[in-house]
Amino acid sequence: MAQQLLLLLPAPSRAFSKPLSSPSPTLASLPLRHHVSVSAAARRGLLRCGMKRSGLVEELEIAKGKQPQSRRANGIFWILLLNFGIYVADHMFQIREIKALYLYHALPTWYQFVTSTFCHANWNHLSSNLFFVYIFGKLVEEEEGNFALWMSYILTGAGANLISWLVLPTSSVSLGASGAVFGLFTISVLVKMSWDWRKILEVLILGQFVVDKVMEAARATTITGQSFQVNNIAHVSGALIGAALVFLVSRIPFSSNGDSPKTTKESK
């Protein structure tokens, strides 16, 4: 028969009948004023954290504002794209209307003095010219701005074509950007040149080398009969016109309120 056992334990002593004392007062045991002070301290801590966070957010927003915006195509890339697009339309798609952009010395049209600077005879002619257009044109744009780049390219190229038209035979047809190349080369050198002996020494040492390389690669082609010839008159003319432009612009007085391009650039 199953038996039920009864275990008799002694009664607990008085020492354990009282609750244990806490070594430190808990939040529940604190009076009301302590509750209020703790809550105020918590609010002050949260306020300080919020202020720090807001300051951090403000710094991040300022840093975000300083980051460059979406990169836009610069003027030099528009010039390169226009040259390349006209070449594709002329030699790949063989659009006949492009031939009307060449400079025909026998009976030229006024716009041909400009449009012929964007036309090229073949791929080597195009690639060599655009290489130097990019190098010198980028220097001019960084120093003087987008508008100055376009004006330098058009004025030096059209001026070189004008002098070529006056000198070369009427049976010639001119096309190519190297008149503008030499103009941009001259402008990029002169706008950065100073009377510091170091700059003068650099020009004397590197100038001849650079000119030889530009003369070798940048071709202003003139078609005489059925043959292609290098138009060195356009090279020299473009360089001289570039130097004249720098001289004329340097003589223009700018107002003291920062209208000059360099003043605007330095103030940014």
Protein backbone atom coordinates (compact mmCIF):
# COMPACT_ATOMS: atom_id res chain seq x y z
CA MET A 1 0.00 0.00 0.00
CA ALA A 2 1.32 3.31 -0.99
CA GLN A 3 2.22 5.42 1.92
CA GLN A 4 2.26 9.18 2.02
CA LEU A 5 5.26 10.56 3.80
CA LEU A 6 5.08 13.80 5.67
CA LEU A 7 8.34 15.69 6.03
CA LEU A 8 8.42 18.01 8.99
CA LEU A 9 10.77 21.01 8.65
CA PRO A 10 11.64 23.48 11.36
CA ALA A 11 9.98 26.86 11.19
CA PRO A 12 12.01 29.62 9.57
CA SER A 13 13.89 31.85 11.89
CA ARG A 14 13.07 35.52 12.38
CA ALA A 15 16.28 36.53 10.63
CA PHE A 16 14.89 35.39 7.30
CA SER A 17 11.39 36.58 7.83
CA LYS A 18 12.34 40.21 7.07
CA PRO A 19 13.17 41.37 3.56
CA LEU A 20 16.80 41.84 2.78
CA SER A 21 17.99 45.42 2.89
CA SER A 22 19.19 46.84 -0.44
CA PRO A 23 22.74 48.23 -0.42
CA SER A 24 21.62 51.19 -2.51
CA PRO A 25 18.22 52.84 -2.80
CA THR A 26 16.25 51.83 -5.85
CA LEU A 27 14.19 54.13 -7.98
CA ALA A 28 11.02 52.88 -6.29
CA SER A 29 12.33 53.67 -2.79
CA LEU A 30 13.35 57.24 -3.69
CA PRO A 31 11.07 60.11 -2.70
CA LEU A 32 9.18 62.09 -5.32
CA ARG A 33 11.72 64.89 -5.56
CA HIS A 34 14.41 62.34 -6.44
CA HIS A 35 12.15 61.04 -9.21
CA VAL A 36 11.84 64.53 -10.58
CA SER A 37 15.58 65.19 -10.45
CA VAL A 38 16.39 61.94 -12.20
CA SER A 39 13.86 62.66 -14.94
CA ALA A 40 15.25 66.17 -15.43
CA ALA A 41 18.78 64.80 -15.64
CA ALA A 42 17.64 62.26 -18.22
CA ARG A 43 15.98 65.00 -20.23
CA ARG A 44 19.11 67.12 -20.08
CA GLY A 45 21.18 64.16 -21.30
CA LEU A 46 18.78 63.53 -24.18
CA LEU A 47 18.84 67.23 -25.02
CA ARG A 48 22.63 67.23 -25.14
CA CYS A 49 22.59 64.13 -27.34
CA GLY A 50 20.03 65.78 -29.60
CA MET A 51 22.16 68.91 -29.85
CA LYS A 52 25.21 66.85 -30.72
CA ARG A 53 23.22 64.90 -33.28
CA SER A 54 21.80 68.05 -34.84
CA GLY A 55 25.31 69.53 -35.05
CA LEU A 56 26.57 66.36 -36.69
CA VAL A 57 23.68 66.37 -39.16
CA GLU A 58 24.40 70.00 -39.96
CA GLU A 59 28.07 69.23 -40.61
CA LEU A 60 27.10 66.31 -42.82
CA GLU A 61 24.72 68.52 -44.79
CA ILE A 62 27.44 71.14 -45.24
CA ALA A 63 29.89 68.47 -46.37
CA LYS A 64 27.27 67.11 -48.74
CA GLY A 65 26.76 70.58 -50.16
CA LYS A 66 30.50 70.90 -50.76
CA GLN A 67 30.59 67.68 -52.77
CA PRO A 68 30.72 68.21 -56.53
CA GLN A 69 27.40 68.03 -58.26
CA SER A 70 26.73 65.82 -61.24
CA ARG A 71 29.56 66.32 -63.67
CA ARG A 72 28.59 68.27 -66.75
CA ALA A 73 30.34 68.23 -70.09
CA ASN A 74 32.89 71.04 -70.28
CA GLY A 75 33.40 73.25 -73.29
CA ILE A 76 36.44 71.31 -74.46
CA PHE A 77 34.41 68.10 -74.66
CA TRP A 78 31.71 69.82 -76.72
CA ILE A 79 34.40 70.96 -79.16
CA LEU A 80 35.83 67.45 -79.39
CA LEU A 81 32.35 65.97 -79.83
CA LEU A 82 31.50 68.43 -82.60
CA ASN A 83 34.71 67.62 -84.48
CA PHE A 84 34.14 63.90 -84.13
CA GLY A 85 30.46 64.13 -85.12
CA ILE A 86 31.24 66.06 -88.29
CA TYR A 87 33.95 63.53 -89.18
CA VAL A 88 31.51 60.62 -88.74
CA ALA A 89 28.86 62.35 -90.84
CA ASP A 90 31.40 63.16 -93.55
CA HIS A 91 33.45 59.97 -93.87
CA MET A 92 31.25 57.21 -92.46
CA PHE A 93 27.74 58.27 -93.42
CA GLN A 94 29.08 60.28 -96.38
CA ILE A 95 26.57 63.08 -96.06
CA ARG A 96 27.19 65.35 -99.04
CA GLU A 97 26.14 68.52 -97.25
CA ILE A 98 29.23 68.26 -95.01
CA LYS A 99 31.44 69.06 -98.00
CA ALA A 100 29.86 72.52 -98.06
CA LEU A 101 31.57 73.20 -94.71
CA TYR A 102 35.07 73.08 -96.27
CA LEU A 103 36.81 76.34 -97.10
CA TYR A 104 36.94 76.62 -100.91
CA HIS A 105 39.45 79.33 -101.76
CA ALA A 106 37.99 79.96 -105.20
CA LEU A 107 34.58 81.08 -103.95
CA PRO A 108 34.38 80.96 -100.14
CA THR A 109 31.30 81.54 -98.04
CA TRP A 110 31.68 83.49 -94.81
CA TYR A 111 30.73 80.59 -92.50
CA GLN A 112 33.28 78.27 -94.12
CA PHE A 113 36.10 80.12 -92.37
CA VAL A 114 34.67 78.78 -89.10
CA THR A 115 33.11 75.47 -90.10
CA SER A 116 36.24 74.21 -91.88
CA THR A 117 38.05 74.18 -88.52
CA PHE A 118 35.75 71.31 -87.49
CA CYS A 119 36.37 69.26 -90.66
CA HIS A 120 39.21 66.78 -91.23
CA ALA A 121 40.52 64.83 -94.20
CA ASN A 122 41.09 61.44 -92.53
CA TRP A 123 41.32 59.69 -89.18
CA ASN A 124 45.01 60.49 -88.56
CA HIS A 125 44.29 64.12 -89.33
CA LEU A 126 41.42 64.14 -86.84
CA SER A 127 43.07 62.22 -83.99
CA SER A 128 46.32 64.20 -84.03
CA ASN A 129 44.50 67.53 -84.05
CA LEU A 130 42.01 66.60 -81.33
CA PHE A 131 44.78 65.35 -79.07
CA PHE A 132 46.36 68.79 -78.94
CA VAL A 133 43.00 70.57 -78.92
CA TYR A 134 42.19 68.66 -75.74
CA ILE A 135 45.53 69.40 -74.05
CA PHE A 136 45.78 73.13 -74.81
CA GLY A 137 42.04 73.77 -74.83
CA LYS A 138 41.64 72.31 -71.36
CA LEU A 139 44.41 74.58 -70.07
CA VAL A 140 42.72 77.63 -71.57
CA GLU A 141 39.30 76.64 -70.19
CA GLU A 142 40.65 76.01 -66.68
CA GLU A 143 42.40 79.38 -66.67
CA GLU A 144 39.94 81.63 -68.53
CA GLY A 145 36.60 79.80 -68.68
CA ASN A 146 34.26 78.15 -71.16
CA PHE A 147 33.39 81.26 -73.16
CA ALA A 148 37.06 82.21 -73.58
CA LEU A 149 37.81 78.71 -74.84
CA TRP A 150 35.14 78.88 -77.56
CA MET A 151 36.15 82.38 -78.62
CA SER A 152 39.83 81.39 -78.72
CA TYR A 153 39.11 78.32 -80.82
CA ILE A 154 36.84 80.15 -83.30
CA LEU A 155 38.88 83.34 -83.63
CA THR A 156 42.26 81.67 -84.03
CA GLY A 157 40.92 79.00 -86.38
CA ALA A 158 38.92 81.42 -88.53
CA GLY A 159 41.77 83.95 -88.54
CA ALA A 160 44.24 81.31 -89.69
CA ASN A 161 41.84 80.31 -92.48
CA LEU A 162 41.44 83.93 -93.52
CA ILE A 163 45.19 84.44 -93.89
CA SER A 164 45.48 81.12 -95.73
CA TRP A 165 42.76 82.24 -98.12
CA LEU A 166 44.62 85.46 -98.81
CA VAL A 167 47.97 83.74 -99.44
CA LEU A 168 47.27 80.33 -100.98
CA PRO A 169 46.13 79.66 -104.56
CA THR A 170 42.44 79.82 -105.39
CA SER A 171 42.44 76.13 -106.31
CA SER A 172 43.05 75.19 -102.66
CA VAL A 173 40.55 73.80 -100.17
CA SER A 174 41.40 74.21 -96.48
CA LEU A 175 40.16 72.13 -93.57
CA GLY A 176 41.50 71.19 -90.16
CA ALA A 177 41.76 72.49 -86.62
CA SER A 178 45.48 73.05 -86.31
CA GLY A 179 45.19 76.81 -86.80
CA ALA A 180 43.09 76.73 -83.62
CA VAL A 181 45.54 74.26 -82.07
CA PHE A 182 48.44 76.69 -82.42
CA GLY A 183 46.26 79.53 -81.21
CA LEU A 184 45.25 77.59 -78.10
CA PHE A 185 48.86 76.55 -77.55
CA THR A 186 50.05 80.16 -77.62
CA ILE A 187 47.23 81.36 -75.36
CA SER A 188 47.77 78.58 -72.82
CA VAL A 189 51.47 79.48 -72.59
CA LEU A 190 51.05 83.24 -72.39
CA VAL A 191 48.25 83.32 -69.81
CA LYS A 192 50.37 81.26 -67.40
CA MET A 193 53.68 82.92 -68.20
CA SER A 194 55.26 85.41 -65.83
CA TRP A 195 58.58 87.19 -65.66
CA ASP A 196 59.85 84.68 -63.15
CA TRP A 197 63.19 83.32 -64.37
CA ARG A 198 62.01 79.76 -63.68
CA LYS A 199 59.05 80.16 -66.04
CA ILE A 200 61.25 81.71 -68.72
CA LEU A 201 63.73 78.85 -68.40
CA GLU A 202 60.94 76.28 -68.75
CA VAL A 203 59.66 77.97 -71.91
CA LEU A 204 63.15 78.11 -73.44
CA ILE A 205 63.88 74.45 -72.69
CA LEU A 206 60.49 72.89 -73.41
CA GLY A 207 59.15 75.37 -75.96
CA GLN A 208 61.13 74.11 -78.93
CA PHE A 209 60.33 70.48 -78.13
CA VAL A 210 56.60 71.19 -77.77
CA VAL A 211 56.49 73.24 -80.98
CA ASP A 212 58.24 70.47 -82.93
CA LYS A 213 55.78 67.87 -81.66
CA VAL A 214 52.80 70.06 -82.43
CA MET A 215 54.15 70.79 -85.91
CA GLU A 216 54.64 67.08 -86.47
CA ALA A 217 51.20 65.95 -85.32
CA ALA A 218 48.81 68.88 -85.82
CA ARG A 219 48.10 69.16 -89.49
CA ALA A 220 46.15 71.90 -91.19
CA THR A 221 45.46 70.18 -94.47
CA THR A 222 45.15 72.01 -97.74
CA ILE A 223 43.91 70.11 -100.77
CA THR A 224 45.59 71.39 -103.92
CA GLY A 225 44.40 69.48 -106.93
CA GLN A 226 44.28 65.87 -105.74
CA SER A 227 47.11 66.08 -103.17
CA PHE A 228 47.07 66.90 -99.45
CA GLN A 229 49.57 69.45 -98.22
CA VAL A 230 50.41 70.77 -94.76
CA ASN A 231 49.27 74.35 -94.38
CA ASN A 232 52.10 75.85 -92.33
CA ILE A 233 50.69 79.31 -92.95
CA ALA A 234 47.71 78.37 -90.79
CA HIS A 235 50.06 77.18 -88.04
CA VAL A 236 51.97 80.45 -87.85
CA SER A 237 48.82 82.53 -88.30
CA GLY A 238 46.98 80.75 -85.51
CA ALA A 239 49.90 81.28 -83.11
CA LEU A 240 50.18 84.98 -83.96
CA ILE A 241 46.44 85.54 -83.61
CA GLY A 242 46.50 83.77 -80.24
CA ALA A 243 49.27 86.06 -79.04
CA ALA A 244 47.35 89.10 -80.31
CA LEU A 245 44.22 87.99 -78.43
CA VAL A 246 46.13 87.65 -75.17
CA PHE A 247 47.64 91.10 -75.66
CA LEU A 248 44.30 92.72 -76.45
CA VAL A 249 42.47 91.08 -73.55
CA SER A 250 45.24 92.11 -71.15
CA ARG A 251 44.70 95.74 -72.20
CA ILE A 252 41.00 95.68 -71.36
CA PRO A 253 40.43 97.37 -67.97
CA PHE A 254 38.24 95.50 -65.52
CA SER A 255 36.24 97.20 -62.81
CA SER A 256 37.31 96.81 -59.20
CA ASN A 257 34.15 94.94 -58.18
CA GLY A 258 35.55 91.62 -59.38
CA ASP A 259 34.38 91.47 -62.99
CA SER A 260 37.63 89.99 -64.16
CA PRO A 261 37.55 86.21 -64.75
CA LYS A 262 40.60 85.62 -62.57
CA THR A 263 39.13 87.69 -59.73
CA THR A 264 35.92 85.69 -59.90
CA LYS A 265 37.85 82.45 -59.92
CA GLU A 266 39.91 83.43 -56.88
CA SER A 267 36.87 84.54 -54.91
CA LYS A 268 35.16 81.16 -55.19
